[in-house]
Amino acid sequence: MFDNLRQKSADEAGFLTDDKAAPPSKPPKPPRPPKAPKAARPQRSGGGVGISPGQRFLLALMLFINVTVLGCFALLVFEKIALPFF
C-alpha cells in the first residue's frame, strides 16, 4: 500500500518539477571584519523584562494586594482569626 506512495506524490505534484530555471542569485557579500571589543560596562539592573517603572510599581502593588488577601483568607480558613459579625 505504501510502497510507491512517494513516487505517486512526486508524479502528481506539479510544483516539484524543475522545468523552470532558477533566477540568477546575487553574489554573496564578503564577510565584515570583526569589531573591536568595547570596554566592559557594568550591567544596569533595571528590573529586566523591558517594562517601565510605573508598570513595575503596578505589578508590585498587585502582588502585595494578592498576598494580603490570600493571607487573610488563609487565616480565616484555619480559624486563627474570626470576623466580628459571624
N, C-alpha and C. Protein backbone atom coordinates (compact mmCIF):
# COMPACT_ATOMS: atom_id res chain seq x y z
N MET A 1 0.82 -1.19 0.00
CA MET A 1 0.00 0.00 0.00
C MET A 1 0.87 1.25 0.00
N PHE A 2 1.88 1.30 0.86
CA PHE A 2 2.72 2.48 0.95
C PHE A 2 4.00 2.37 0.13
N ASP A 3 4.13 1.32 -0.64
CA ASP A 3 5.38 1.08 -1.37
C ASP A 3 5.70 2.19 -2.35
N ASN A 4 4.74 2.59 -3.14
CA ASN A 4 5.02 3.59 -4.17
C ASN A 4 4.34 4.92 -3.86
N LEU A 5 4.08 5.20 -2.60
CA LEU A 5 3.41 6.44 -2.22
C LEU A 5 4.26 7.65 -2.56
N ARG A 6 5.54 7.56 -2.30
CA ARG A 6 6.43 8.68 -2.58
C ARG A 6 6.50 8.95 -4.09
N GLN A 7 6.55 7.91 -4.88
CA GLN A 7 6.61 8.07 -6.32
C GLN A 7 5.31 8.68 -6.85
N LYS A 8 4.17 8.22 -6.32
CA LYS A 8 2.89 8.78 -6.75
C LYS A 8 2.79 10.26 -6.43
N SER A 9 3.20 10.62 -5.22
CA SER A 9 3.09 12.02 -4.84
C SER A 9 4.03 12.88 -5.67
N ALA A 10 5.20 12.37 -6.01
CA ALA A 10 6.13 13.13 -6.84
C ALA A 10 5.59 13.29 -8.25
N ASP A 11 4.89 12.27 -8.75
CA ASP A 11 4.32 12.35 -10.11
C ASP A 11 3.16 13.32 -10.16
N GLU A 12 2.34 13.35 -9.10
CA GLU A 12 1.15 14.19 -9.11
C GLU A 12 1.42 15.64 -8.74
N ALA A 13 2.50 15.90 -8.05
CA ALA A 13 2.79 17.25 -7.59
C ALA A 13 3.41 18.05 -8.73
N GLY A 14 2.70 19.06 -9.19
CA GLY A 14 3.21 19.88 -10.28
C GLY A 14 4.21 20.92 -9.82
N PHE A 15 4.18 21.26 -8.54
CA PHE A 15 5.06 22.30 -8.06
C PHE A 15 6.47 21.78 -7.76
N LEU A 16 6.69 20.49 -7.84
CA LEU A 16 8.01 19.94 -7.57
C LEU A 16 8.88 19.79 -8.81
N THR A 17 8.34 20.15 -9.96
CA THR A 17 9.12 19.98 -11.18
C THR A 17 10.18 21.06 -11.27
N ASP A 18 11.30 20.71 -11.89
CA ASP A 18 12.41 21.64 -12.06
C ASP A 18 12.50 22.14 -13.49
N ASP A 19 11.35 22.34 -14.14
CA ASP A 19 11.36 22.77 -15.53
C ASP A 19 11.87 24.20 -15.69
N LYS A 20 11.56 25.06 -14.73
CA LYS A 20 11.97 26.46 -14.84
C LYS A 20 13.38 26.61 -14.31
N ALA A 21 14.12 27.48 -14.95
CA ALA A 21 15.48 27.75 -14.48
C ALA A 21 15.40 28.65 -13.25
N ALA A 22 16.26 28.42 -12.32
CA ALA A 22 16.29 29.25 -11.12
C ALA A 22 16.79 30.64 -11.48
N PRO A 23 16.21 31.69 -10.87
CA PRO A 23 16.68 33.04 -11.16
C PRO A 23 18.14 33.19 -10.71
N PRO A 24 18.88 34.02 -11.40
CA PRO A 24 20.28 34.19 -11.01
C PRO A 24 20.37 34.77 -9.61
N SER A 25 21.23 34.20 -8.82
CA SER A 25 21.35 34.67 -7.45
C SER A 25 22.39 35.78 -7.38
N LYS A 26 22.26 36.59 -6.36
CA LYS A 26 23.21 37.68 -6.16
C LYS A 26 24.50 37.11 -5.61
N PRO A 27 25.62 37.71 -5.95
CA PRO A 27 26.87 37.20 -5.38
C PRO A 27 26.89 37.46 -3.87
N PRO A 28 27.44 36.53 -3.11
CA PRO A 28 27.44 36.72 -1.66
C PRO A 28 28.32 37.90 -1.25
N LYS A 29 27.87 38.57 -0.19
CA LYS A 29 28.64 39.71 0.31
C LYS A 29 29.85 39.19 1.07
N PRO A 30 30.95 39.89 0.97
CA PRO A 30 32.13 39.45 1.74
C PRO A 30 31.87 39.65 3.23
N PRO A 31 32.42 38.80 4.06
CA PRO A 31 32.18 38.94 5.50
C PRO A 31 32.80 40.21 6.04
N ARG A 32 32.09 40.80 7.01
CA ARG A 32 32.59 42.03 7.61
C ARG A 32 33.68 41.67 8.62
N PRO A 33 34.67 42.54 8.73
CA PRO A 33 35.71 42.26 9.73
C PRO A 33 35.12 42.38 11.14
N PRO A 34 35.64 41.63 12.07
CA PRO A 34 35.09 41.70 13.44
C PRO A 34 35.35 43.06 14.06
N LYS A 35 34.38 43.49 14.85
CA LYS A 35 34.50 44.79 15.52
C LYS A 35 35.43 44.66 16.71
N ALA A 36 36.04 45.76 17.05
CA ALA A 36 36.90 45.78 18.23
C ALA A 36 36.02 45.69 19.47
N PRO A 37 36.43 44.93 20.47
CA PRO A 37 35.59 44.81 21.66
C PRO A 37 35.51 46.13 22.41
N LYS A 38 34.29 46.43 22.88
CA LYS A 38 34.09 47.66 23.65
C LYS A 38 34.53 47.43 25.08
N ALA A 39 34.75 48.52 25.77
CA ALA A 39 35.11 48.42 27.17
C ALA A 39 33.93 47.87 27.94
N ALA A 40 34.21 46.98 28.87
CA ALA A 40 33.14 46.34 29.62
C ALA A 40 32.44 47.36 30.51
N ARG A 41 31.12 47.43 30.34
CA ARG A 41 30.33 48.33 31.16
C ARG A 41 29.59 47.50 32.20
N PRO A 42 29.41 48.03 33.37
CA PRO A 42 28.62 47.29 34.36
C PRO A 42 27.17 47.21 33.90
N GLN A 43 26.56 46.07 34.12
CA GLN A 43 25.17 45.88 33.72
C GLN A 43 24.25 46.69 34.62
N ARG A 44 23.27 47.32 33.99
CA ARG A 44 22.26 48.02 34.76
C ARG A 44 21.24 47.02 35.26
N SER A 45 20.85 47.17 36.48
CA SER A 45 19.78 46.31 36.99
C SER A 45 18.49 47.10 36.91
N GLY A 46 17.94 47.16 35.72
CA GLY A 46 16.72 47.92 35.50
C GLY A 46 15.47 47.10 35.72
N GLY A 47 15.58 45.96 36.32
CA GLY A 47 14.41 45.15 36.55
C GLY A 47 14.16 44.16 35.43
N GLY A 48 14.83 44.32 34.33
CA GLY A 48 14.67 43.39 33.23
C GLY A 48 13.31 43.45 32.60
N VAL A 49 13.03 42.58 31.74
CA VAL A 49 11.76 42.35 31.07
C VAL A 49 11.31 43.56 30.23
N GLY A 50 12.00 44.65 30.30
CA GLY A 50 11.67 45.78 29.45
C GLY A 50 10.38 46.49 29.81
N ILE A 51 10.10 46.65 31.08
CA ILE A 51 8.89 47.37 31.48
C ILE A 51 9.29 48.66 32.18
N SER A 52 8.40 49.61 32.14
CA SER A 52 8.68 50.92 32.71
C SER A 52 8.56 50.87 34.23
N PRO A 53 9.10 51.88 34.92
CA PRO A 53 8.98 51.90 36.39
C PRO A 53 7.53 51.94 36.87
N GLY A 54 6.66 52.62 36.16
CA GLY A 54 5.25 52.66 36.53
C GLY A 54 4.61 51.29 36.45
N GLN A 55 4.95 50.56 35.41
CA GLN A 55 4.41 49.21 35.26
C GLN A 55 4.96 48.28 36.35
N ARG A 56 6.24 48.46 36.69
CA ARG A 56 6.83 47.65 37.77
C ARG A 56 6.12 47.93 39.09
N PHE A 57 5.82 49.21 39.36
CA PHE A 57 5.11 49.57 40.59
C PHE A 57 3.73 48.95 40.61
N LEU A 58 3.03 49.00 39.50
CA LEU A 58 1.69 48.43 39.44
C LEU A 58 1.73 46.92 39.67
N LEU A 59 2.70 46.25 39.09
CA LEU A 59 2.84 44.81 39.32
C LEU A 59 3.15 44.51 40.78
N ALA A 60 4.03 45.30 41.40
CA ALA A 60 4.36 45.09 42.81
C ALA A 60 3.15 45.35 43.69
N LEU A 61 2.37 46.38 43.37
CA LEU A 61 1.16 46.68 44.14
C LEU A 61 0.14 45.56 44.01
N MET A 62 -0.06 45.05 42.81
CA MET A 62 -1.00 43.96 42.61
C MET A 62 -0.54 42.70 43.34
N LEU A 63 0.75 42.42 43.34
CA LEU A 63 1.28 41.27 44.07
C LEU A 63 1.07 41.44 45.56
N PHE A 64 1.30 42.64 46.08
CA PHE A 64 1.09 42.92 47.51
C PHE A 64 -0.36 42.70 47.91
N ILE A 65 -1.28 43.23 47.11
CA ILE A 65 -2.70 43.08 47.42
C ILE A 65 -3.11 41.61 47.34
N ASN A 66 -2.59 40.90 46.36
CA ASN A 66 -2.91 39.49 46.20
C ASN A 66 -2.44 38.68 47.42
N VAL A 67 -1.23 38.94 47.87
CA VAL A 67 -0.69 38.21 49.02
C VAL A 67 -1.47 38.54 50.29
N THR A 68 -1.82 39.79 50.49
CA THR A 68 -2.55 40.15 51.71
C THR A 68 -3.96 39.55 51.72
N VAL A 69 -4.64 39.56 50.60
CA VAL A 69 -5.99 38.99 50.54
C VAL A 69 -5.93 37.48 50.77
N LEU A 70 -4.99 36.81 50.10
CA LEU A 70 -4.88 35.36 50.29
C LEU A 70 -4.43 35.02 51.71
N GLY A 71 -3.59 35.84 52.30
CA GLY A 71 -3.17 35.61 53.68
C GLY A 71 -4.33 35.76 54.64
N CYS A 72 -5.15 36.78 54.47
CA CYS A 72 -6.33 36.96 55.33
C CYS A 72 -7.31 35.80 55.15
N PHE A 73 -7.47 35.36 53.93
CA PHE A 73 -8.35 34.24 53.67
C PHE A 73 -7.83 32.97 54.35
N ALA A 74 -6.52 32.74 54.30
CA ALA A 74 -5.95 31.57 54.95
C ALA A 74 -6.13 31.65 56.46
N LEU A 75 -5.97 32.82 57.04
CA LEU A 75 -6.19 32.97 58.48
C LEU A 75 -7.63 32.67 58.86
N LEU A 76 -8.57 33.07 58.02
CA LEU A 76 -9.98 32.77 58.29
C LEU A 76 -10.25 31.28 58.16
N VAL A 77 -9.68 30.64 57.15
CA VAL A 77 -9.91 29.21 56.93
C VAL A 77 -9.36 28.39 58.08
N PHE A 78 -8.17 28.73 58.55
CA PHE A 78 -7.54 27.97 59.64
C PHE A 78 -8.01 28.44 61.02
N GLU A 79 -8.99 29.32 61.04
CA GLU A 79 -9.64 29.81 62.26
C GLU A 79 -8.66 30.44 63.24
N LYS A 80 -7.68 31.15 62.71
CA LYS A 80 -6.75 31.88 63.56
C LYS A 80 -7.33 33.25 63.92
N ILE A 81 -8.22 33.74 63.09
CA ILE A 81 -8.95 34.98 63.37
C ILE A 81 -10.42 34.71 63.10
N ALA A 82 -11.27 35.55 63.62
CA ALA A 82 -12.70 35.42 63.37
C ALA A 82 -13.26 36.79 63.02
N LEU A 83 -14.17 36.81 62.11
CA LEU A 83 -14.82 38.06 61.76
C LEU A 83 -15.82 38.42 62.84
N PRO A 84 -15.95 39.70 63.18
CA PRO A 84 -16.81 40.07 64.32
C PRO A 84 -18.30 39.86 64.05
N PHE A 85 -18.73 39.81 62.83
CA PHE A 85 -20.16 39.71 62.57
C PHE A 85 -20.62 38.28 62.29
N PHE A 86 -19.78 37.28 62.58
CA PHE A 86 -20.20 35.88 62.45
C PHE A 86 -20.41 35.27 63.79
